[in-house]
PDB file of N, CA and C in Angstrom:
ATOM      1  N   MET A   1      33.467 102.048  95.878  1.00  0.00           N
ATOM      2  CA  MET A   1      34.455 101.316  96.654  1.00  0.00           C
ATOM      3  C   MET A   1      33.899 101.057  98.057  1.00  0.00           C
ATOM      4  N   PRO A   2      34.044  99.836  98.532  1.00  0.00           N
ATOM      5  CA  PRO A   2      33.563  99.536  99.882  1.00  0.00           C
ATOM      6  C   PRO A   2      34.332 100.332 100.930  1.00  0.00           C
ATOM      7  N   THR A   3      33.616 100.786 101.953  1.00  0.00           N
ATOM      8  CA  THR A   3      34.253 101.614 102.981  1.00  0.00           C
ATOM      9  C   THR A   3      35.202 100.814 103.868  1.00  0.00           C
ATOM     10  N   HIS A   4      35.036  99.501 103.956  1.00  0.00           N
ATOM     11  CA  HIS A   4      35.936  98.719 104.809  1.00  0.00           C
ATOM     12  C   HIS A   4      37.340  98.623 104.215  1.00  0.00           C
ATOM     13  N   LEU A   5      37.510  98.966 102.952  1.00  0.00           N
ATOM     14  CA  LEU A   5      38.838  98.961 102.341  1.00  0.00           C
ATOM     15  C   LEU A   5      39.517 100.326 102.396  1.00  0.00           C
ATOM     16  N   LEU A   6      38.876 101.285 103.065  1.00  0.00           N
ATOM     17  CA  LEU A   6      39.427 102.639 103.120  1.00  0.00           C
ATOM     18  C   LEU A   6      40.723 102.695 103.942  1.00  0.00           C
ATOM     19  N   VAL A   7      40.753 102.045 105.090  1.00  0.00           N
ATOM     20  CA  VAL A   7      41.958 102.067 105.937  1.00  0.00           C
ATOM     21  C   VAL A   7      43.140 101.396 105.231  1.00  0.00           C
ATOM     22  N   PRO A   8      42.970 100.201 104.633  1.00  0.00           N
ATOM     23  CA  PRO A   8      44.109  99.633 103.899  1.00  0.00           C
ATOM     24  C   PRO A   8      44.574 100.517 102.743  1.00  0.00           C
ATOM     25  N   LEU A   9      43.632 101.159 102.071  1.00  0.00           N
ATOM     26  CA  LEU A   9      44.004 102.041 100.965  1.00  0.00           C
ATOM     27  C   LEU A   9      44.803 103.238 101.456  1.00  0.00           C
ATOM     28  N   VAL A  10      44.384 103.818 102.572  1.00  0.00           N
ATOM     29  CA  VAL A  10      45.118 104.960 103.137  1.00  0.00           C
ATOM     30  C   VAL A  10      46.522 104.529 103.563  1.00  0.00           C
ATOM     31  N   LEU A  11      46.643 103.383 104.213  1.00  0.00           N
ATOM     32  CA  LEU A  11      47.960 102.886 104.613  1.00  0.00           C
ATOM     33  C   LEU A  11      48.851 102.652 103.394  1.00  0.00           C
ATOM     34  N   PHE A  12      48.278 102.080 102.343  1.00  0.00           N
ATOM     35  CA  PHE A  12      49.047 101.822 101.133  1.00  0.00           C
ATOM     36  C   PHE A  12      49.501 103.125 100.478  1.00  0.00           C
ATOM     37  N   VAL A  13      48.628 104.117 100.409  1.00  0.00           N
ATOM     38  CA  VAL A  13      48.981 105.396  99.787  1.00  0.00           C
ATOM     39  C   VAL A  13      50.039 106.127 100.614  1.00  0.00           C
ATOM     40  N   VAL A  14      49.905 106.122 101.924  1.00  0.00           N
ATOM     41  CA  VAL A  14      50.916 106.756 102.778  1.00  0.00           C
ATOM     42  C   VAL A  14      52.257 106.038 102.609  1.00  0.00           C
ATOM     43  N   GLY A  15      52.238 104.724 102.515  1.00  0.00           N
ATOM     44  CA  GLY A  15      53.455 103.966 102.272  1.00  0.00           C
ATOM     45  C   GLY A  15      54.098 104.335 100.939  1.00  0.00           C
ATOM     46  N   LEU A  16      53.281 104.495  99.907  1.00  0.00           N
ATOM     47  CA  LEU A  16      53.820 104.902  98.607  1.00  0.00           C
ATOM     48  C   LEU A  16      54.423 106.296  98.656  1.00  0.00           C
ATOM     49  N   VAL A  17      53.786 107.195  99.392  1.00  0.00           N
ATOM     50  CA  VAL A  17      54.324 108.553  99.527  1.00  0.00           C
ATOM     51  C   VAL A  17      55.684 108.509 100.235  1.00  0.00           C
ATOM     52  N   LEU A  18      55.799 107.721 101.295  1.00  0.00           N
ATOM     53  CA  LEU A  18      57.075 107.598 101.997  1.00  0.00           C
ATOM     54  C   LEU A  18      58.154 106.971 101.103  1.00  0.00           C
ATOM     55  N   LEU A  19      57.773 105.972 100.330  1.00  0.00           N
ATOM     56  CA  LEU A  19      58.734 105.374  99.397  1.00  0.00           C
ATOM     57  C   LEU A  19      59.169 106.381  98.339  1.00  0.00           C
ATOM     58  N   ALA A  20      58.220 107.147  97.823  1.00  0.00           N
ATOM     59  CA  ALA A  20      58.552 108.156  96.805  1.00  0.00           C
ATOM     60  C   ALA A  20      59.468 109.225  97.388  1.00  0.00           C
ATOM     61  N   TYR A  21      59.220 109.644  98.629  1.00  0.00           N
ATOM     62  CA  TYR A  21      60.105 110.621  99.268  1.00  0.00           C
ATOM     63  C   TYR A  21      61.517 110.054  99.429  1.00  0.00           C
ATOM     64  N   GLY A  22      61.619 108.809  99.824  1.00  0.00           N
ATOM     65  CA  GLY A  22      62.923 108.189  99.985  1.00  0.00           C
ATOM     66  C   GLY A  22      63.696 108.128  98.680  1.00  0.00           C
ATOM     67  N   VAL A  23      63.016 107.790  97.601  1.00  0.00           N
ATOM     68  CA  VAL A  23      63.674 107.746  96.292  1.00  0.00           C
ATOM     69  C   VAL A  23      64.070 109.148  95.854  1.00  0.00           C
ATOM     70  N   TRP A  24      63.178 110.112  96.041  1.00  0.00           N
ATOM     71  CA  TRP A  24      63.451 111.500  95.648  1.00  0.00           C
ATOM     72  C   TRP A  24      64.640 112.071  96.418  1.00  0.00           C
ATOM     73  N   ALA A  25      64.684 111.841  97.722  1.00  0.00           N
ATOM     74  CA  ALA A  25      65.780 112.370  98.530  1.00  0.00           C
ATOM     75  C   ALA A  25      67.085 111.641  98.237  1.00  0.00           C
ATOM     76  N   ARG A  26      67.002 110.364  97.933  1.00  0.00           N
ATOM     77  CA  ARG A  26      68.213 109.596  97.655  1.00  0.00           C
ATOM     78  C   ARG A  26      68.856 110.012  96.338  1.00  0.00           C
ATOM     79  N   THR A  27      68.048 110.313  95.325  1.00  0.00           N
ATOM     80  CA  THR A  27      68.617 110.722  94.044  1.00  0.00           C
ATOM     81  C   THR A  27      69.281 112.078  94.159  1.00  0.00           C
ATOM     82  N   GLY A  28      68.713 112.992  94.924  1.00  0.00           N
ATOM     83  CA  GLY A  28      69.342 114.280  95.194  1.00  0.00           C
ATOM     84  C   GLY A  28      69.575 115.135  93.973  1.00  0.00           C
ATOM     85  N   ARG A  29      68.675 115.110  93.021  1.00  0.00           N
ATOM     86  CA  ARG A  29      68.862 115.875  91.790  1.00  0.00           C
ATOM     87  C   ARG A  29      68.646 117.364  91.965  1.00  0.00           C
ATOM     88  N   THR A  30      67.874 117.742  92.954  1.00  0.00           N
ATOM     89  CA  THR A  30      67.609 119.161  93.187  1.00  0.00           C
ATOM     90  C   THR A  30      68.205 119.578  94.524  1.00  0.00           C
ATOM     91  N   PRO A  31      68.474 120.883  94.705  1.00  0.00           N
ATOM     92  CA  PRO A  31      68.965 121.337  96.009  1.00  0.00           C
ATOM     93  C   PRO A  31      67.992 121.035  97.145  1.00  0.00           C
ATOM     94  N   THR A  32      66.707 121.068  96.846  1.00  0.00           N
ATOM     95  CA  THR A  32      65.715 120.750  97.874  1.00  0.00           C
ATOM     96  C   THR A  32      65.841 119.289  98.306  1.00  0.00           C
ATOM     97  N   ALA A  33      66.103 118.407  97.368  1.00  0.00           N
ATOM     98  CA  ALA A  33      66.249 116.992  97.703  1.00  0.00           C
ATOM     99  C   ALA A  33      67.528 116.732  98.484  1.00  0.00           C
ATOM    100  N   ARG A  34      68.526 117.599  98.324  1.00  0.00           N
ATOM    101  CA  ARG A  34      69.789 117.425  99.041  1.00  0.00           C
ATOM    102  C   ARG A  34      69.811 118.143 100.384  1.00  0.00           C
ATOM    103  N   ARG A  35      68.762 118.831 100.719  1.00  0.00           N
ATOM    104  CA  ARG A  35      68.740 119.645 101.939  1.00  0.00           C
ATOM    105  C   ARG A  35      68.954 118.834 103.201  1.00  0.00           C
ATOM    106  N   TRP A  36      68.571 117.567 103.196  1.00  0.00           N
ATOM    107  CA  TRP A  36      68.696 116.748 104.401  1.00  0.00           C
ATOM    108  C   TRP A  36      70.143 116.456 104.758  1.00  0.00           C
ATOM    109  N   LEU A  37      71.093 116.726 103.841  1.00  0.00           N
ATOM    110  CA  LEU A  37      72.489 116.443 104.140  1.00  0.00           C
ATOM    111  C   LEU A  37      73.388 117.617 103.758  1.00  0.00           C
ATOM    112  N   THR A  38      72.914 118.816 103.948  1.00  0.00           N
ATOM    113  CA  THR A  38      73.731 119.980 103.632  1.00  0.00           C
ATOM    114  C   THR A  38      74.471 120.452 104.871  1.00  0.00           C
ATOM    115  N   ASP A  39      75.340 121.440 104.695  1.00  0.00           N
ATOM    116  CA  ASP A  39      76.109 121.959 105.827  1.00  0.00           C
ATOM    117  C   ASP A  39      75.227 122.619 106.877  1.00  0.00           C
ATOM    118  N   ASN A  40      74.099 123.166 106.455  1.00  0.00           N
ATOM    119  CA  ASN A  40      73.204 123.832 107.404  1.00  0.00           C
ATOM    120  C   ASN A  40      72.344 122.838 108.173  1.00  0.00           C
ATOM    121  N   SER A  41      72.365 121.599 107.761  1.00  0.00           N
ATOM    122  CA  SER A  41      71.521 120.591 108.386  1.00  0.00           C
ATOM    123  C   SER A  41      72.093 120.145 109.724  1.00  0.00           C
ATOM    124  N   ALA A  42      71.231 119.633 110.544  1.00  0.00           N
ATOM    125  CA  ALA A  42      71.660 119.091 111.832  1.00  0.00           C
ATOM    126  C   ALA A  42      71.874 117.589 111.738  1.00  0.00           C
ATOM    127  N   SER A  43      72.044 117.077 110.507  1.00  0.00           N
ATOM    128  CA  SER A  43      72.114 115.627 110.331  1.00  0.00           C
ATOM    129  C   SER A  43      73.317 115.001 111.017  1.00  0.00           C
ATOM    130  N   ARG A  44      74.367 115.773 111.267  1.00  0.00           N
ATOM    131  CA  ARG A  44      75.542 115.221 111.935  1.00  0.00           C
ATOM    132  C   ARG A  44      75.193 114.755 113.349  1.00  0.00           C
ATOM    133  N   HIS A  45      74.237 115.422 113.973  1.00  0.00           N
ATOM    134  CA  HIS A  45      73.916 115.121 115.369  1.00  0.00           C
ATOM    135  C   HIS A  45      72.596 114.383 115.548  1.00  0.00           C
ATOM    136  N   THR A  46      71.692 114.509 114.604  1.00  0.00           N
ATOM    137  CA  THR A  46      70.359 113.950 114.813  1.00  0.00           C
ATOM    138  C   THR A  46      70.079 112.674 114.044  1.00  0.00           C
ATOM    139  N   GLY A  47      70.920 112.289 113.119  1.00  0.00           N
ATOM    140  CA  GLY A  47      70.677 111.069 112.368  1.00  0.00           C
ATOM    141  C   GLY A  47      69.654 111.225 111.264  1.00  0.00           C
ATOM    142  N   ILE A  48      69.524 112.424 110.714  1.00  0.00           N
ATOM    143  CA  ILE A  48      68.583 112.644 109.621  1.00  0.00           C
ATOM    144  C   ILE A  48      68.936 111.750 108.435  1.00  0.00           C
ATOM    145  N   ASP A  49      70.217 111.513 108.214  1.00  0.00           N
ATOM    146  CA  ASP A  49      70.606 110.672 107.084  1.00  0.00           C
ATOM    147  C   ASP A  49      70.085 109.249 107.257  1.00  0.00           C
ATOM    148  N   LEU A  50      70.064 108.756 108.482  1.00  0.00           N
ATOM    149  CA  LEU A  50      69.500 107.423 108.738  1.00  0.00           C
ATOM    150  C   LEU A  50      68.022 107.378 108.401  1.00  0.00           C
ATOM    151  N   LEU A  51      67.316 108.381 108.862  1.00  0.00           N
ATOM    152  CA  LEU A  51      65.881 108.427 108.605  1.00  0.00           C
ATOM    153  C   LEU A  51      65.596 108.512 107.111  1.00  0.00           C
ATOM    154  N   THR A  52      66.341 109.367 106.419  1.00  0.00           N
ATOM    155  CA  THR A  52      66.061 109.601 105.014  1.00  0.00           C
ATOM    156  C   THR A  52      66.442 108.417 104.139  1.00  0.00           C
ATOM    157  N   LEU A  53      67.581 107.810 104.399  1.00  0.00           N
ATOM    158  CA  LEU A  53      68.069 106.755 103.517  1.00  0.00           C
ATOM    159  C   LEU A  53      67.459 105.388 103.786  1.00  0.00           C
ATOM    160  N   VAL A  54      67.180 105.084 105.045  1.00  0.00           N
ATOM    161  CA  VAL A  54      66.778 103.718 105.364  1.00  0.00           C
ATOM    162  C   VAL A  54      65.407 103.647 106.035  1.00  0.00           C
ATOM    163  N   ALA A  55      65.203 104.428 107.077  1.00  0.00           N
ATOM    164  CA  ALA A  55      63.994 104.259 107.885  1.00  0.00           C
ATOM    165  C   ALA A  55      62.725 104.678 107.153  1.00  0.00           C
ATOM    166  N   VAL A  56      62.740 105.831 106.494  1.00  0.00           N
ATOM    167  CA  VAL A  56      61.519 106.303 105.817  1.00  0.00           C
ATOM    168  C   VAL A  56      61.096 105.341 104.700  1.00  0.00           C
ATOM    169  N   PRO A  57      62.022 104.953 103.782  1.00  0.00           N
ATOM    170  CA  PRO A  57      61.586 103.974 102.777  1.00  0.00           C
ATOM    171  C   PRO A  57      61.217 102.621 103.386  1.00  0.00           C
ATOM    172  N   GLY A  58      61.896 102.221 104.453  1.00  0.00           N
ATOM    173  CA  GLY A  58      61.560 100.952 105.099  1.00  0.00           C
ATOM    174  C   GLY A  58      60.175 100.962 105.705  1.00  0.00           C
ATOM    175  N   PHE A  59      59.852 102.032 106.410  1.00  0.00           N
ATOM    176  CA  PHE A  59      58.511 102.129 106.979  1.00  0.00           C
ATOM    177  C   PHE A  59      57.464 102.325 105.887  1.00  0.00           C
ATOM    178  N   GLY A  60      57.827 102.996 104.801  1.00  0.00           N
ATOM    179  CA  GLY A  60      56.907 103.116 103.668  1.00  0.00           C
ATOM    180  C   GLY A  60      56.579 101.763 103.075  1.00  0.00           C
ATOM    181  N   PHE A  61      57.613 100.939 102.878  1.00  0.00           N
ATOM    182  CA  PHE A  61      57.394  99.591 102.362  1.00  0.00           C
ATOM    183  C   PHE A  61      56.558  98.772 103.341  1.00  0.00           C
ATOM    184  N   ALA A  62      56.834  98.927 104.628  1.00  0.00           N
ATOM    185  CA  ALA A  62      56.070  98.186 105.638  1.00  0.00           C
ATOM    186  C   ALA A  62      54.599  98.602 105.622  1.00  0.00           C
ATOM    187  N   LEU A  63      54.327  99.889 105.479  1.00  0.00           N
ATOM    188  CA  LEU A  63      52.935 100.347 105.404  1.00  0.00           C
ATOM    189  C   LEU A  63      52.247  99.809 104.154  1.00  0.00           C
ATOM    190  N   CYS A  64      52.963  99.779 103.036  1.00  0.00           N
ATOM    191  CA  CYS A  64      52.390  99.206 101.815  1.00  0.00           C
ATOM    192  C   CYS A  64      52.039  97.734 102.033  1.00  0.00           C
ATOM    193  N   CYS A  65      52.959  96.988 102.622  1.00  0.00           N
ATOM    194  CA  CYS A  65      52.707  95.566 102.901  1.00  0.00           C
ATOM    195  C   CYS A  65      51.530  95.400 103.858  1.00  0.00           C
ATOM    196  N   TYR A  66      51.501  96.216 104.890  1.00  0.00           N
ATOM    197  CA  TYR A  66      50.420  96.096 105.877  1.00  0.00           C
ATOM    198  C   TYR A  66      49.069  96.445 105.244  1.00  0.00           C
ATOM    199  N   GLY A  67      49.046  97.470 104.394  1.00  0.00           N
ATOM    200  CA  GLY A  67      47.805  97.819 103.700  1.00  0.00           C
ATOM    201  C   GLY A  67      47.319  96.686 102.814  1.00  0.00           C
ATOM    202  N   VAL A  68      48.238  96.049 102.096  1.00  0.00           N
ATOM    203  CA  VAL A  68      47.860  94.921 101.252  1.00  0.00           C
ATOM    204  C   VAL A  68      47.407  93.739 102.106  1.00  0.00           C
ATOM    205  N   LEU A  69      48.118  93.492 103.213  1.00  0.00           N
ATOM    206  CA  LEU A  69      47.708  92.413 104.113  1.00  0.00           C
ATOM    207  C   LEU A  69      46.297  92.633 104.645  1.00  0.00           C
ATOM    208  N   MET A  70      46.014  93.868 105.040  1.00  0.00           N
ATOM    209  CA  MET A  70      44.671  94.159 105.564  1.00  0.00           C
ATOM    210  C   MET A  70      43.615  93.991 104.476  1.00  0.00           C
ATOM    211  N   ALA A  71      43.906  94.460 103.274  1.00  0.00           N
ATOM    212  CA  ALA A  71      42.934  94.346 102.186  1.00  0.00           C
ATOM    213  C   ALA A  71      42.691  92.884 101.816  1.00  0.00           C
ATOM    214  N   LEU A  72      43.755  92.080 101.754  1.00  0.00           N
ATOM    215  CA  LEU A  72      43.589  90.664 101.431  1.00  0.00           C
ATOM    216  C   LEU A  72      42.864  89.907 102.530  1.00  0.00           C
ATOM    217  N   ASP A  73      43.061  90.328 103.755  1.00  0.00           N
ATOM    218  CA  ASP A  73      42.402  89.673 104.874  1.00  0.00           C
ATOM    219  C   ASP A  73      40.905  89.960 104.891  1.00  0.00           C
ATOM    220  N   MET A  74      40.505  91.080 104.303  1.00  0.00           N
ATOM    221  CA  MET A  74      39.093  91.461 104.306  1.00  0.00           C
ATOM    222  C   MET A  74      38.313  90.881 103.133  1.00  0.00           C
ATOM    223  N   THR A  75      38.982  90.210 102.213  1.00  0.00           N
ATOM    224  CA  THR A  75      38.282  89.653 101.063  1.00  0.00           C
ATOM    225  C   THR A  75      37.512  88.409 101.463  1.00  0.00           C
ATOM    226  N   ASP A  76      36.524  88.037 100.651  1.00  0.00           N
ATOM    227  CA  ASP A  76      35.726  86.832 100.900  1.00  0.00           C
ATOM    228  C   ASP A  76      36.034  85.812  99.835  1.00  0.00           C
ATOM    229  N   PRO A  77      36.513  84.669 100.093  1.00  0.00           N
ATOM    230  CA  PRO A  77      37.104  84.213 101.344  1.00  0.00           C
ATOM    231  C   PRO A  77      38.499  84.799 101.535  1.00  0.00           C
ATOM    232  N   PRO A  78      38.953  84.868 102.763  1.00  0.00           N
ATOM    233  CA  PRO A  78      40.302  85.419 102.992  1.00  0.00           C
ATOM    234  C   PRO A  78      41.360  84.613 102.236  1.00  0.00           C
ATOM    235  N   THR A  79      42.224  85.309 101.569  1.00  0.00           N
ATOM    236  CA  THR A  79      43.272  84.649 100.781  1.00  0.00           C
ATOM    237  C   THR A  79      44.519  84.513 101.636  1.00  0.00           C
ATOM    238  N   SER A  80      44.440  83.611 102.601  1.00  0.00           N
ATOM    239  CA  SER A  80      45.518  83.480 103.582  1.00  0.00           C
ATOM    240  C   SER A  80      46.816  82.974 102.961  1.00  0.00           C
ATOM    241  N   TYR A  81      46.744  82.232 101.853  1.00  0.00           N
ATOM    242  CA  TYR A  81      47.980  81.753 101.232  1.00  0.00           C
ATOM    243  C   TYR A  81      48.808  82.902 100.670  1.00  0.00           C
ATOM    244  N   SER A  82      48.187  84.019 100.334  1.00  0.00           N
ATOM    245  CA  SER A  82      48.944  85.167  99.814  1.00  0.00           C
ATOM    246  C   SER A  82      49.426  86.083 100.935  1.00  0.00           C
ATOM    247  N   LEU A  83      48.952  85.865 102.153  1.00  0.00           N
ATOM    248  CA  LEU A  83      49.395  86.678 103.280  1.00  0.00           C
ATOM    249  C   LEU A  83      50.776  86.268 103.774  1.00  0.00           C
ATOM    250  N   ILE A  84      51.144  85.032 103.604  1.00  0.00           N
ATOM    251  CA  ILE A  84      52.411  84.531 104.150  1.00  0.00           C
ATOM    252  C   ILE A  84      53.625  85.227 103.545  1.00  0.00           C
ATOM    253  N   PRO A  85      53.748  85.348 102.208  1.00  0.00           N
ATOM    254  CA  PRO A  85      54.940  86.032 101.684  1.00  0.00           C
ATOM    255  C   PRO A  85      55.018  87.492 102.101  1.00  0.00           C
ATOM    256  N   LEU A  86      53.880  88.176 102.159  1.00  0.00           N
ATOM    257  CA  LEU A  86      53.900  89.573 102.582  1.00  0.00           C
ATOM    258  C   LEU A  86      54.285  89.704 104.051  1.00  0.00           C
ATOM    259  N   ALA A  87      53.796  88.811 104.878  1.00  0.00           N
ATOM    260  CA  ALA A  87      54.165  88.854 106.297  1.00  0.00           C
ATOM    261  C   ALA A  87      55.644  88.558 106.477  1.00  0.00           C
ATOM    262  N   VAL A  88      56.176  87.655 105.662  1.00  0.00           N
ATOM    263  CA  VAL A  88      57.597  87.330 105.740  1.00  0.00           C
ATOM    264  C   VAL A  88      58.437  88.545 105.338  1.00  0.00           C
ATOM    265  N   LEU A  89      57.987  89.310 104.360  1.00  0.00           N
ATOM    266  CA  LEU A  89      58.695  90.529 103.957  1.00  0.00           C
ATOM    267  C   LEU A  89      58.547  91.644 104.980  1.00  0.00           C
ATOM    268  N   LEU A  90      57.412  91.703 105.629  1.00  0.00           N
ATOM    269  CA  LEU A  90      57.121  92.805 106.544  1.00  0.00           C
ATOM    270  C   LEU A  90      58.005  92.779 107.787  1.00  0.00           C
ATOM    271  N   VAL A  91      58.212  91.627 108.364  1.00  0.00           N
ATOM    272  CA  VAL A  91      58.945  91.536 109.632  1.00  0.00           C
ATOM    273  C   VAL A  91      60.399  92.012 109.507  1.00  0.00           C
ATOM    274  N   PRO A  92      61.192  91.520 108.550  1.00  0.00           N
ATOM    275  CA  PRO A  92      62.574  92.021 108.479  1.00  0.00           C
ATOM    276  C   PRO A  92      62.668  93.478 108.046  1.00  0.00           C
ATOM    277  N   THR A  93      61.698  93.935 107.274  1.00  0.00           N
ATOM    278  CA  THR A  93      61.720  95.334 106.854  1.00  0.00           C
ATOM    279  C   THR A  93      61.537  96.253 108.047  1.00  0.00           C
ATOM    280  N   VAL A  94      60.575  95.961 108.891  1.00  0.00           N
ATOM    281  CA  VAL A  94      60.354  96.786 110.081  1.00  0.00           C
ATOM    282  C   VAL A  94      61.541  96.668 111.034  1.00  0.00           C
ATOM    283  N   ALA A  95      62.088  95.478 111.176  1.00  0.00           N
ATOM    284  CA  ALA A  95      63.242  95.306 112.067  1.00  0.00           C
ATOM    285  C   ALA A  95      64.451  96.086 111.559  1.00  0.00           C
ATOM    286  N   ALA A  96      64.703  96.053 110.260  1.00  0.00           N
ATOM    287  CA  ALA A  96      65.849  96.788 109.704  1.00  0.00           C
ATOM    288  C   ALA A  96      65.641  98.293 109.810  1.00  0.00           C
ATOM    289  N   ALA A  97      64.436  98.751 109.517  1.00  0.00           N
ATOM    290  CA  ALA A  97      64.166 100.185 109.609  1.00  0.00           C
ATOM    291  C   ALA A  97      64.271 100.661 111.049  1.00  0.00           C
ATOM    292  N   GLY A  98      63.807  99.881 111.990  1.00  0.00           N
ATOM    293  CA  GLY A  98      63.927 100.255 113.396  1.00  0.00           C
ATOM    294  C   GLY A  98      65.355 100.204 113.901  1.00  0.00           C
ATOM    295  N   ALA A  99      66.127  99.237 113.422  1.00  0.00           N
ATOM    296  CA  ALA A  99      67.516  99.107 113.867  1.00  0.00           C
ATOM    297  C   ALA A  99      68.374 100.267 113.365  1.00  0.00           C
ATOM    298  N   THR A 100      68.036 100.827 112.226  1.00  0.00           N
ATOM    299  CA  THR A 100      68.842 101.918 111.680  1.00  0.00           C
ATOM    300  C   THR A 100      68.716 103.194 112.495  1.00  0.00           C
ATOM    301  N   LEU A 101      67.701 103.286 113.289  1.00  0.00           N
ATOM    302  CA  LEU A 101      67.523 104.489 114.092  1.00  0.00           C
ATOM    303  C   LEU A 101      68.583 104.596 115.190  1.00  0.00           C
ATOM    304  N   ARG A 102      69.295 103.516 115.464  1.00  0.00           N
ATOM    305  CA  ARG A 102      70.276 103.518 116.548  1.00  0.00           C
ATOM    306  C   ARG A 102      71.719 103.448 116.059  1.00  0.00           C
ATOM    307  N   THR A 103      71.936 103.398 114.769  1.00  0.00           N
ATOM    308  CA  THR A 103      73.286 103.241 114.249  1.00  0.00           C
ATOM    309  C   THR A 103      73.593 104.327 113.222  1.00  0.00           C
ATOM    310  N   ARG A 104      74.798 104.252 112.643  1.00  0.00           N
ATOM    311  CA  ARG A 104      75.190 105.155 111.556  1.00  0.00           C
ATOM    312  C   ARG A 104      75.006 104.456 110.228  1.00  0.00           C
ATOM    313  N   VAL A 105      74.695 105.230 109.209  1.00  0.00           N
ATOM    314  CA  VAL A 105      74.573 104.671 107.862  1.00  0.00           C
ATOM    315  C   VAL A 105      75.972 104.454 107.306  1.00  0.00           C
ATOM    316  N   PRO A 106      76.303 103.240 106.883  1.00  0.00           N
ATOM    317  CA  PRO A 106      77.612 103.036 106.262  1.00  0.00           C
ATOM    318  C   PRO A 106      77.686 103.771 104.930  1.00  0.00           C
ATOM    319  N   ASP A 107      78.892 104.137 104.545  1.00  0.00           N
ATOM    320  CA  ASP A 107      79.061 104.878 103.301  1.00  0.00           C
ATOM    321  C   ASP A 107      78.577 104.093 102.088  1.00  0.00           C
ATOM    322  N   ALA A 108      78.582 102.785 102.168  1.00  0.00           N
ATOM    323  CA  ALA A 108      78.139 101.978 101.036  1.00  0.00           C
ATOM    324  C   ALA A 108      76.654 102.177 100.731  1.00  0.00           C
ATOM    325  N   LEU A 109      75.853 102.522 101.736  1.00  0.00           N
ATOM    326  CA  LEU A 109      74.428 102.748 101.519  1.00  0.00           C
ATOM    327  C   LEU A 109      74.108 104.159 101.060  1.00  0.00           C
ATOM    328  N   CYS A 110      75.061 105.055 101.188  1.00  0.00           N
ATOM    329  CA  CYS A 110      74.827 106.450 100.798  1.00  0.00           C
ATOM    330  C   CYS A 110      74.983 106.614  99.296  1.00  0.00           C
ATOM    331  N   PRO A 111      74.201 107.513  98.705  1.00  0.00           N
ATOM    332  CA  PRO A 111      74.421 107.817  97.296  1.00  0.00           C
ATOM    333  C   PRO A 111      75.765 108.518  97.103  1.00  0.00           C
ATOM    334  N   ARG A 112      76.258 108.511  95.873  1.00  0.00           N
ATOM    335  CA  ARG A 112      77.585 109.061  95.589  1.00  0.00           C
ATOM    336  C   ARG A 112      77.696 110.525  96.011  1.00  0.00           C
ATOM    337  N   TRP A 113      76.677 111.327  95.723  1.00  0.00           N
ATOM    338  CA  TRP A 113      76.754 112.749  96.073  1.00  0.00           C
ATOM    339  C   TRP A 113      76.793 112.942  97.586  1.00  0.00           C
ATOM    340  N   ALA A 114      76.135 112.079  98.340  1.00  0.00           N
ATOM    341  CA  ALA A 114      76.148 112.194  99.800  1.00  0.00           C
ATOM    342  C   ALA A 114      77.496 111.756 100.369  1.00  0.00           C
ATOM    343  N   ARG A 115      78.109 110.755  99.747  1.00  0.00           N
ATOM    344  CA  ARG A 115      79.439 110.330 100.194  1.00  0.00           C
ATOM    345  C   ARG A 115      80.453 111.447 100.036  1.00  0.00           C
ATOM    346  N   GLU A 116      80.365 112.176  98.920  1.00  0.00           N
ATOM    347  CA  GLU A 116      81.284 113.295  98.698  1.00  0.00           C
ATOM    348  C   GLU A 116      81.097 114.373  99.763  1.00  0.00           C
ATOM    349  N   LEU A 117      79.852 114.678 100.111  1.00  0.00           N
ATOM    350  CA  LEU A 117      79.593 115.664 101.171  1.00  0.00           C
ATOM    351  C   LEU A 117      80.112 115.173 102.518  1.00  0.00           C
ATOM    352  N   ARG A 118      79.950 113.900 102.806  1.00  0.00           N
ATOM    353  CA  ARG A 118      80.432 113.369 104.081  1.00  0.00           C
ATOM    354  C   ARG A 118      81.950 113.440 104.178  1.00  0.00           C
ATOM    355  N   VAL A 119      82.648 113.153 103.070  1.00  0.00           N
ATOM    356  CA  VAL A 119      84.107 113.229 103.068  1.00  0.00           C
ATOM    357  C   VAL A 119      84.556 114.662 103.306  1.00  0.00           C
ATOM    358  N   GLU A 120      83.909 115.618 102.638  1.00  0.00           N
ATOM    359  CA  GLU A 120      84.237 117.027 102.859  1.00  0.00           C
ATOM    360  C   GLU A 120      83.986 117.421 104.312  1.00  0.00           C
ATOM    361  N   ARG A 121      82.914 116.945 104.882  1.00  0.00           N
ATOM    362  CA  ARG A 121      82.552 117.283 106.252  1.00  0.00           C
ATOM    363  C   ARG A 121      83.567 116.712 107.252  1.00  0.00           C
ATOM    364  N   ARG A 122      84.088 115.522 106.971  1.00  0.00           N
ATOM    365  CA  ARG A 122      85.061 114.912 107.870  1.00  0.00           C
ATOM    366  C   ARG A 122      86.397 115.651 107.838  1.00  0.00           C
ATOM    367  N   ARG A 123      86.707 116.246 106.700  1.00  0.00           N
ATOM    368  CA  ARG A 123      87.954 116.985 106.584  1.00  0.00           C
ATOM    369  C   ARG A 123      87.924 118.286 107.395  1.00  0.00           C
ATOM    370  N   ARG A 124      86.735 118.854 107.515  1.00  0.00           N
ATOM    371  CA  ARG A 124      86.596 120.105 108.299  1.00  0.00           C
ATOM    372  C   ARG A 124      86.512 119.782 109.776  1.00  0.00           C
ATOM    373  N   PRO A 125      87.017 120.693 110.592  1.00  0.00           N
ATOM    374  CA  PRO A 125      86.931 120.448 112.049  1.00  0.00           C
ATOM    375  C   PRO A 125      85.532 120.615 112.585  1.00  0.00           C
TER     376      PRO A 125
END
């Protein structure tokens, strides 16, 4: 493998890992996957739910897109016609992931098990 494709490959793999973490945490099948929204968590004050549900998968997708963009740009000849759709996807993804860091996640974006925990939490003082 050419060494000039190492950086795009690393970005793509890190993006896939972030996407996989987002899917794993969102499904919440194990207690470890649900830890980000448990009673012992500081998610009520720190916005961990925002990071886990929206920002981490969004930045993972953005890294995957950026890795592919870099790899396509390094090919001979550059395949610039294939860069346009990826760039169009990259910009709103990064903007949405960044915007979520300042707001609350609506209940519609939360998985069912997380909504139930949030309702229980609101009932308690």
